[in-house]
């Protein structure tokens, strides 16, 4: 079997066993597209359309590195922010709270002590009422900041890592306060737009993928959501992000595999010292595992391979960095091999109670490595 057929066959086999209804894989090596494969359908029912390279996916937590971490990197480079700044310096509502004394660095490394998740969307209102503006979305932000302020930290900041959506919500608001514009606007104007990473954007409440990306846009649906009472299609899957208006530091981005790879490639170009909008030294700091945190694999906003259990498979180097998204998305970059791998799927369709992608992710990365790196 030819190498490209083996990659496609692995993707098709995943559809056959129900890992996801469809997916797009985009692989770059040494700056060139090595493989782009679109397989399956956008949904498992009759509404499903054939997946194409132009299919939009809810990127879930890929928002953290693609939007929030990239924005923090830009602000640090512009000397508007320092990684050692106390959180309360930029979010004064948190003065006097335990989390207010944590540093921006702690939020990026998931070592602030904040818990991983809270059902803020339930605390903001009953059912669909949580999606409605309450005297403006600013008020929602203030209410959620109040919820986070009252959280008891799970550990002393820096003691250990605990993956936390709450920390990235705070980072998103820090970005907005310093930039004096929404995270969505900053990404469009200063991050994704200038490097041609399109289509890649948030879908704020009241807008649709058609209004953001164009009338011909197709977004793969995610879950039959009991909270909202409908199939989610072009609407952010994460409930807290939805309740916050569709734009948040932890989730909310939609995009294609090619657009995601464009941002990953920009990080790789900077790491490699080639012309880039970002400092090579700073990028290398962000993507390097922070060994001062015991047993942690986290860099700054990016994860690193966790050995034999890594979703990146068995072969990515210790210099690699990446991230996963709950909806079935992932990015892995190996700067040593100049390799970028983006996998986008909607494994949560029609329900999130499907974790078969956990065993599939390392498998597809090992196949790619065998064919793209070891075989060439």
Protein backbone atom coordinates (compact mmCIF):
# COMPACT_ATOMS: atom_id res chain seq x y z
CA UNK A 1 0.00 0.00 0.00
CA UNK A 2 1.36 3.44 -0.88
CA UNK A 3 2.10 5.71 2.06
CA UNK A 4 -0.62 8.24 1.30
CA UNK A 5 -3.16 5.41 1.05
CA UNK A 6 -2.11 4.16 4.48
CA UNK A 7 -2.88 7.52 6.07
CA UNK A 8 -6.28 7.70 4.39
CA UNK A 9 -7.02 4.07 5.21
CA UNK A 10 -6.34 4.76 8.90
CA UNK A 11 -8.78 7.66 8.85
CA UNK A 12 -11.46 5.64 7.07
CA UNK A 13 -11.04 2.77 9.51
CA UNK A 14 -11.68 5.23 12.34
CA UNK A 15 -14.99 6.19 10.75
CA UNK A 16 -15.94 2.53 10.42
CA UNK A 17 -15.50 1.93 14.16
CA UNK A 18 -17.26 5.15 15.17
CA UNK A 19 -14.37 7.34 16.28
CA UNK A 20 -15.98 10.25 14.41
CA UNK A 21 -18.35 10.72 11.45
CA UNK A 22 -15.66 12.52 9.45
CA UNK A 23 -12.40 14.42 9.79
CA UNK A 24 -9.80 16.56 8.07
CA UNK A 25 -6.09 15.87 8.46
CA UNK A 26 -3.52 18.47 7.41
CA UNK A 27 0.21 17.67 7.56
CA UNK A 28 3.12 19.98 6.73
CA UNK A 29 6.80 19.05 6.54
CA UNK A 30 9.53 21.63 6.13
CA UNK A 31 7.00 24.32 5.29
CA UNK A 32 5.26 22.36 2.53
CA UNK A 33 1.90 20.57 2.64
CA UNK A 34 2.71 16.85 2.71
CA UNK A 35 -0.86 15.58 3.01
CA UNK A 36 -4.37 16.93 3.35
CA UNK A 37 -7.14 14.36 3.60
CA UNK A 38 -10.85 15.00 4.13
CA UNK A 39 -12.89 11.88 4.87
CA UNK A 40 -16.41 10.92 5.91
CA UNK A 41 -19.41 13.14 6.45
CA UNK A 42 -20.14 16.05 8.73
CA UNK A 43 -22.84 14.10 10.56
CA UNK A 44 -23.86 10.51 11.07
CA UNK A 45 -27.44 11.08 9.89
CA UNK A 46 -28.98 12.13 6.59
CA UNK A 47 -28.13 15.78 7.30
CA UNK A 48 -24.44 15.00 6.95
CA UNK A 49 -22.60 16.51 4.01
CA UNK A 50 -19.33 15.15 2.62
CA UNK A 51 -16.37 16.53 4.56
CA UNK A 52 -14.04 18.74 2.47
CA UNK A 53 -10.87 20.66 3.31
CA UNK A 54 -13.14 23.71 3.65
CA UNK A 55 -15.32 22.20 6.38
CA UNK A 56 -15.33 24.34 9.52
CA UNK A 57 -14.91 22.68 12.90
CA UNK A 58 -15.55 23.85 16.44
CA UNK A 59 -11.94 23.93 17.67
CA UNK A 60 -12.82 23.83 21.38
CA UNK A 61 -9.64 24.13 23.50
CA UNK A 62 -7.42 24.74 20.50
CA UNK A 63 -8.67 28.26 21.22
CA UNK A 64 -6.22 28.31 24.13
CA UNK A 65 -3.00 28.22 22.05
CA UNK A 66 -4.34 29.62 18.77
CA UNK A 67 -6.04 32.66 20.27
CA UNK A 68 -5.33 33.31 23.94
CA UNK A 69 -1.72 32.11 24.19
CA UNK A 70 -0.83 33.74 20.87
CA UNK A 71 -2.36 36.99 22.13
CA UNK A 72 -0.44 36.78 25.41
CA UNK A 73 2.75 36.15 23.43
CA UNK A 74 2.06 39.27 21.35
CA UNK A 75 1.39 41.40 24.43
CA UNK A 76 4.57 40.19 26.15
CA UNK A 77 6.57 40.94 23.02
CA UNK A 78 4.98 44.41 22.86
CA UNK A 79 5.98 44.93 26.53
CA UNK A 80 2.37 45.47 27.57
CA UNK A 81 2.44 42.45 29.87
CA UNK A 82 4.95 40.45 31.88
CA UNK A 83 4.61 36.77 32.69
CA UNK A 84 5.35 37.48 36.37
CA UNK A 85 2.57 40.06 36.66
CA UNK A 86 0.05 39.26 39.42
CA UNK A 87 -3.35 38.44 37.97
CA UNK A 88 -5.00 41.17 40.03
CA UNK A 89 -2.80 43.81 38.37
CA UNK A 90 -4.88 43.39 35.23
CA UNK A 91 -8.12 42.15 36.79
CA UNK A 92 -8.54 44.42 39.85
CA UNK A 93 -11.80 42.66 40.73
CA UNK A 94 -9.55 39.88 42.06
CA UNK A 95 -7.58 42.04 44.50
CA UNK A 96 -7.56 40.35 47.89
CA UNK A 97 -8.53 36.95 46.49
CA UNK A 98 -6.12 34.02 46.48
CA UNK A 99 -6.16 33.79 42.69
CA UNK A 100 -5.34 37.50 42.44
CA UNK A 101 -1.87 36.82 43.82
CA UNK A 102 -1.13 34.12 41.22
CA UNK A 103 0.97 35.15 38.23
CA UNK A 104 0.10 35.19 34.55
CA UNK A 105 2.74 32.45 34.22
CA UNK A 106 0.70 30.24 36.58
CA UNK A 107 -2.40 30.60 34.42
CA UNK A 108 -0.48 29.68 31.26
CA UNK A 109 1.04 26.58 32.87
CA UNK A 110 -2.22 25.48 34.49
CA UNK A 111 -0.55 25.74 37.88
CA UNK A 112 -2.58 28.55 39.44
CA UNK A 113 -4.49 26.18 41.71
CA UNK A 114 -7.85 26.96 40.11
CA UNK A 115 -10.15 23.98 39.54
CA UNK A 116 -10.52 22.62 36.05
CA UNK A 117 -14.15 23.48 35.39
CA UNK A 118 -17.30 24.87 36.90
CA UNK A 119 -20.85 24.97 35.42
CA UNK A 120 -21.00 28.76 35.24
CA UNK A 121 -23.61 28.53 32.49
CA UNK A 122 -25.97 26.96 35.01
CA UNK A 123 -25.22 29.63 37.58
CA UNK A 124 -25.97 32.41 35.09
CA UNK A 125 -29.58 31.39 34.51
CA UNK A 126 -31.98 28.55 33.92
CA UNK A 127 -31.82 26.83 30.54
CA UNK A 128 -31.70 29.10 27.52
CA UNK A 129 -31.94 32.16 29.79
CA UNK A 130 -28.21 31.76 30.47
CA UNK A 131 -27.56 32.59 26.82
CA UNK A 132 -29.40 35.90 26.95
CA UNK A 133 -27.52 39.13 27.73
CA UNK A 134 -27.97 40.30 31.31
CA UNK A 135 -27.63 44.07 31.06
CA UNK A 136 -24.90 43.36 28.53
CA UNK A 137 -22.30 40.62 28.34
CA UNK A 138 -19.95 42.74 30.44
CA UNK A 139 -22.22 41.95 33.39
CA UNK A 140 -21.82 38.25 32.73
CA UNK A 141 -18.08 38.66 32.77
CA UNK A 142 -18.28 40.45 36.10
CA UNK A 143 -20.49 37.71 37.53
CA UNK A 144 -18.14 34.95 36.40
CA UNK A 145 -15.17 36.89 37.77
CA UNK A 146 -17.06 36.93 41.07
CA UNK A 147 -17.55 33.17 40.90
CA UNK A 148 -13.84 32.64 40.21
CA UNK A 149 -12.86 35.08 42.96
CA UNK A 150 -14.73 32.94 45.48
CA UNK A 151 -13.05 29.70 44.38
CA UNK A 152 -10.85 27.99 46.90
CA UNK A 153 -7.56 27.08 45.24
CA UNK A 154 -6.80 23.38 44.91
CA UNK A 155 -3.13 23.98 45.69
CA UNK A 156 -0.58 26.74 46.18
CA UNK A 157 0.19 28.40 42.81
CA UNK A 158 3.14 26.66 41.21
CA UNK A 159 2.85 23.54 43.36
CA UNK A 160 1.37 21.34 40.62
CA UNK A 161 -0.52 21.54 37.34
CA UNK A 162 -4.28 21.14 37.12
CA UNK A 163 -5.70 21.78 33.66
CA UNK A 164 -8.11 24.68 34.07
CA UNK A 165 -10.59 26.36 31.77
CA UNK A 166 -11.06 28.97 34.50
CA UNK A 167 -7.47 30.12 34.22
CA UNK A 168 -7.82 30.67 30.48
CA UNK A 169 -11.04 32.59 30.94
CA UNK A 170 -9.02 34.97 33.09
CA UNK A 171 -6.24 35.15 30.49
CA UNK A 172 -8.79 36.03 27.81
CA UNK A 173 -10.08 38.91 29.90
CA UNK A 174 -6.56 40.11 30.67
CA UNK A 175 -5.92 40.25 26.92
CA UNK A 176 -9.10 42.23 26.33
CA UNK A 177 -8.35 44.71 29.11
CA UNK A 178 -4.83 45.40 27.83
CA UNK A 179 -5.69 45.44 24.13
CA UNK A 180 -8.89 47.41 24.72
CA UNK A 181 -10.73 45.26 22.23
CA UNK A 182 -12.43 41.89 22.26
CA UNK A 183 -10.39 38.73 21.90
CA UNK A 184 -12.22 38.09 18.62
CA UNK A 185 -11.24 41.51 17.25
CA UNK A 186 -7.64 41.20 18.39
CA UNK A 187 -7.28 37.81 16.73
CA UNK A 188 -8.73 39.15 13.50
CA UNK A 189 -6.70 42.37 13.45
CA UNK A 190 -3.35 41.46 15.02
CA UNK A 191 -2.90 37.69 14.98
CA UNK A 192 -4.73 35.62 12.41
CA UNK A 193 -5.48 38.27 9.82
CA UNK A 194 -1.89 39.45 9.26
CA UNK A 195 -0.59 35.91 8.67
CA UNK A 196 -3.47 34.88 6.40
CA UNK A 197 -4.93 32.30 8.79
CA UNK A 198 -8.42 32.18 7.32
CA UNK A 199 -11.08 30.94 7.83
CA UNK A 200 -10.42 31.08 11.56
CA UNK A 201 -12.59 33.14 13.91
CA UNK A 202 -14.98 33.22 16.82
CA UNK A 203 -18.74 33.11 16.19
CA UNK A 204 -20.24 35.57 18.70
CA UNK A 205 -23.80 35.16 19.92
CA UNK A 206 -26.30 36.52 17.42
CA UNK A 207 -24.05 35.70 14.48
CA UNK A 208 -23.65 32.56 12.39
CA UNK A 209 -20.88 30.89 10.42
CA UNK A 210 -22.59 32.32 7.32
CA UNK A 211 -22.26 35.89 8.57
CA UNK A 212 -18.67 35.36 9.74
CA UNK A 213 -17.26 33.10 7.03
CA UNK A 214 -19.63 33.53 4.10
CA UNK A 215 -22.94 32.07 2.89
CA UNK A 216 -21.38 28.88 1.47
CA UNK A 217 -19.69 27.93 4.74
CA UNK A 218 -20.36 24.48 6.20
CA UNK A 219 -19.70 23.76 9.88
CA UNK A 220 -19.64 20.19 11.14
CA UNK A 221 -22.32 19.80 13.82
CA UNK A 222 -21.32 18.76 17.29
CA UNK A 223 -23.71 17.50 19.95
CA UNK A 224 -27.42 16.98 20.35
CA UNK A 225 -27.28 19.29 23.35
CA UNK A 226 -29.84 18.65 26.11
CA UNK A 227 -29.14 22.01 27.75
CA UNK A 228 -29.95 24.04 24.65
CA UNK A 229 -32.44 21.49 23.33
CA UNK A 230 -31.03 21.36 19.80
CA UNK A 231 -28.30 20.04 17.57
CA UNK A 232 -25.38 22.46 17.68
CA UNK A 233 -24.23 23.47 14.22
CA UNK A 234 -22.00 26.50 13.84
CA UNK A 235 -22.64 27.34 17.50
CA UNK A 236 -19.96 26.86 20.14
CA UNK A 237 -20.23 23.50 21.88
CA UNK A 238 -18.70 24.59 25.20
CA UNK A 239 -21.56 25.72 27.44
CA UNK A 240 -19.57 28.27 29.42
CA UNK A 241 -18.23 29.87 26.24
CA UNK A 242 -21.77 29.97 24.86
CA UNK A 243 -23.08 31.64 28.02
CA UNK A 244 -20.29 34.22 27.76
CA UNK A 245 -21.39 35.22 24.27
CA UNK A 246 -19.40 32.77 22.15
CA UNK A 247 -16.03 34.47 22.73
CA UNK A 248 -13.88 33.24 25.61
CA UNK A 249 -10.26 32.56 26.42
CA UNK A 250 -10.76 28.82 26.74
CA UNK A 251 -13.05 27.99 23.78
CA UNK A 252 -15.01 29.48 20.90
CA UNK A 253 -12.84 29.43 17.78
CA UNK A 254 -14.05 27.84 14.55
CA UNK A 255 -11.85 27.16 11.56
CA UNK A 256 -10.47 24.83 8.93
CA UNK A 257 -7.46 22.54 9.25
CA UNK A 258 -5.49 24.67 6.80
CA UNK A 259 -6.11 27.84 8.85
CA UNK A 260 -5.14 26.10 12.08
CA UNK A 261 -1.95 24.83 10.45
CA UNK A 262 -1.16 28.37 9.31
CA UNK A 263 -0.99 29.57 12.94
CA UNK A 264 0.99 26.49 14.00
CA UNK A 265 3.41 27.13 11.13
CA UNK A 266 3.88 30.72 12.32
CA UNK A 267 4.96 29.42 15.74
CA UNK A 268 7.28 26.93 14.04
CA UNK A 269 8.82 29.62 11.82
CA UNK A 270 9.59 31.74 14.88
CA UNK A 271 11.01 28.75 16.78
CA UNK A 272 13.30 28.07 13.82
CA UNK A 273 14.60 31.64 13.72
CA UNK A 274 13.13 32.40 10.33
CA UNK A 275 11.43 35.75 9.61
CA UNK A 276 8.33 35.94 11.78
CA UNK A 277 6.13 38.42 13.59
CA UNK A 278 7.30 36.87 16.88
CA UNK A 279 10.63 36.69 18.66
CA UNK A 280 12.33 33.31 18.32
CA UNK A 281 13.64 33.50 21.89
CA UNK A 282 10.19 34.25 23.27
CA UNK A 283 8.46 31.53 21.25
CA UNK A 284 11.01 28.97 22.40
CA UNK A 285 10.32 29.98 25.99
CA UNK A 286 6.59 29.54 25.50
CA UNK A 287 6.81 26.05 23.97
CA UNK A 288 9.40 24.63 26.39
CA UNK A 289 8.16 22.35 29.17
CA UNK A 290 8.23 24.12 32.52
CA UNK A 291 10.17 21.60 34.60
CA UNK A 292 9.90 23.62 37.81
CA UNK A 293 6.34 22.28 38.17
CA UNK A 294 6.57 18.70 39.46
CA UNK A 295 5.34 16.00 37.05
CA UNK A 296 3.91 18.55 34.62
CA UNK A 297 4.06 18.32 30.83
CA UNK A 298 2.89 21.90 30.32
CA UNK A 299 4.78 24.67 28.60
CA UNK A 300 3.21 28.15 28.41
CA UNK A 301 -0.24 27.61 26.93
CA UNK A 302 1.02 24.55 25.03
CA UNK A 303 1.39 20.94 26.11
CA UNK A 304 4.40 18.72 25.39
CA UNK A 305 4.54 14.96 24.72
CA UNK A 306 3.87 12.79 27.76
CA UNK A 307 6.02 9.83 26.75
CA UNK A 308 4.47 6.55 25.64
CA UNK A 309 0.98 7.77 26.57
CA UNK A 310 1.15 10.89 24.40
CA UNK A 311 -1.62 11.70 21.93
CA UNK A 312 1.24 12.60 19.56
CA UNK A 313 2.25 8.96 19.41
CA UNK A 314 5.63 7.38 20.09
CA UNK A 315 8.07 9.38 17.99
CA UNK A 316 7.66 13.13 18.41
CA UNK A 317 10.75 14.73 19.94
CA UNK A 318 11.04 16.29 23.39
CA UNK A 319 10.96 19.69 21.69
CA UNK A 320 7.45 19.04 20.33
CA UNK A 321 4.46 21.08 21.44
CA UNK A 322 0.73 20.74 20.88
CA UNK A 323 -2.80 20.85 22.28
CA UNK A 324 -6.05 18.92 22.19
CA UNK A 325 -9.66 20.07 21.83
CA UNK A 326 -12.62 18.37 23.50
CA UNK A 327 -14.67 18.23 20.29
CA UNK A 328 -12.08 15.96 18.64
CA UNK A 329 -9.41 18.37 17.46
CA UNK A 330 -5.64 18.48 17.90
CA UNK A 331 -2.40 20.18 16.88
CA UNK A 332 1.09 18.69 17.23
CA UNK A 333 4.27 20.41 16.06
CA UNK A 334 7.72 18.83 16.07
CA UNK A 335 10.22 21.63 15.39
CA UNK A 336 13.15 19.21 15.15
CA UNK A 337 11.53 17.49 12.16
CA UNK A 338 9.76 20.66 10.99
CA UNK A 339 6.48 18.76 11.16
CA UNK A 340 2.97 20.15 11.72
CA UNK A 341 0.00 17.81 12.17
CA UNK A 342 -3.57 19.14 12.51
CA UNK A 343 -6.49 16.77 13.01
CA UNK A 344 -10.02 18.20 13.10
CA UNK A 345 -13.06 16.07 13.80
CA UNK A 346 -16.43 16.26 15.53
CA UNK A 347 -16.08 13.15 17.68
CA UNK A 348 -18.76 14.61 20.02
CA UNK A 349 -21.42 14.10 17.33
CA UNK A 350 -24.02 13.08 18.18
CA UNK A 351 -22.89 12.74 21.82
CA UNK A 352 -19.82 13.57 23.88
CA UNK A 353 -19.94 10.09 25.42
CA UNK A 354 -17.53 8.70 22.84
CA UNK A 355 -13.85 8.63 23.78
CA UNK A 356 -12.57 6.31 21.04
CA UNK A 357 -10.42 9.17 19.76
CA UNK A 358 -8.09 8.65 22.74
CA UNK A 359 -6.62 5.53 21.16
CA UNK A 360 -6.89 6.85 17.61
CA UNK A 361 -4.82 10.01 18.10
CA UNK A 362 -1.50 8.28 18.87
CA UNK A 363 -2.17 5.75 16.13
CA UNK A 364 -2.61 8.33 13.36
CA UNK A 365 0.44 10.29 14.51
CA UNK A 366 2.56 7.14 14.44
CA UNK A 367 1.34 6.37 10.90
CA UNK A 368 2.18 9.91 9.79
CA UNK A 369 5.62 9.66 11.36
CA UNK A 370 6.33 6.35 9.67
CA UNK A 371 5.29 7.61 6.25
CA UNK A 372 6.29 11.28 6.35
CA UNK A 373 9.46 11.24 8.46
CA UNK A 374 10.90 7.72 8.72
CA UNK A 375 9.91 6.84 5.16
CA UNK A 376 11.37 9.94 3.49
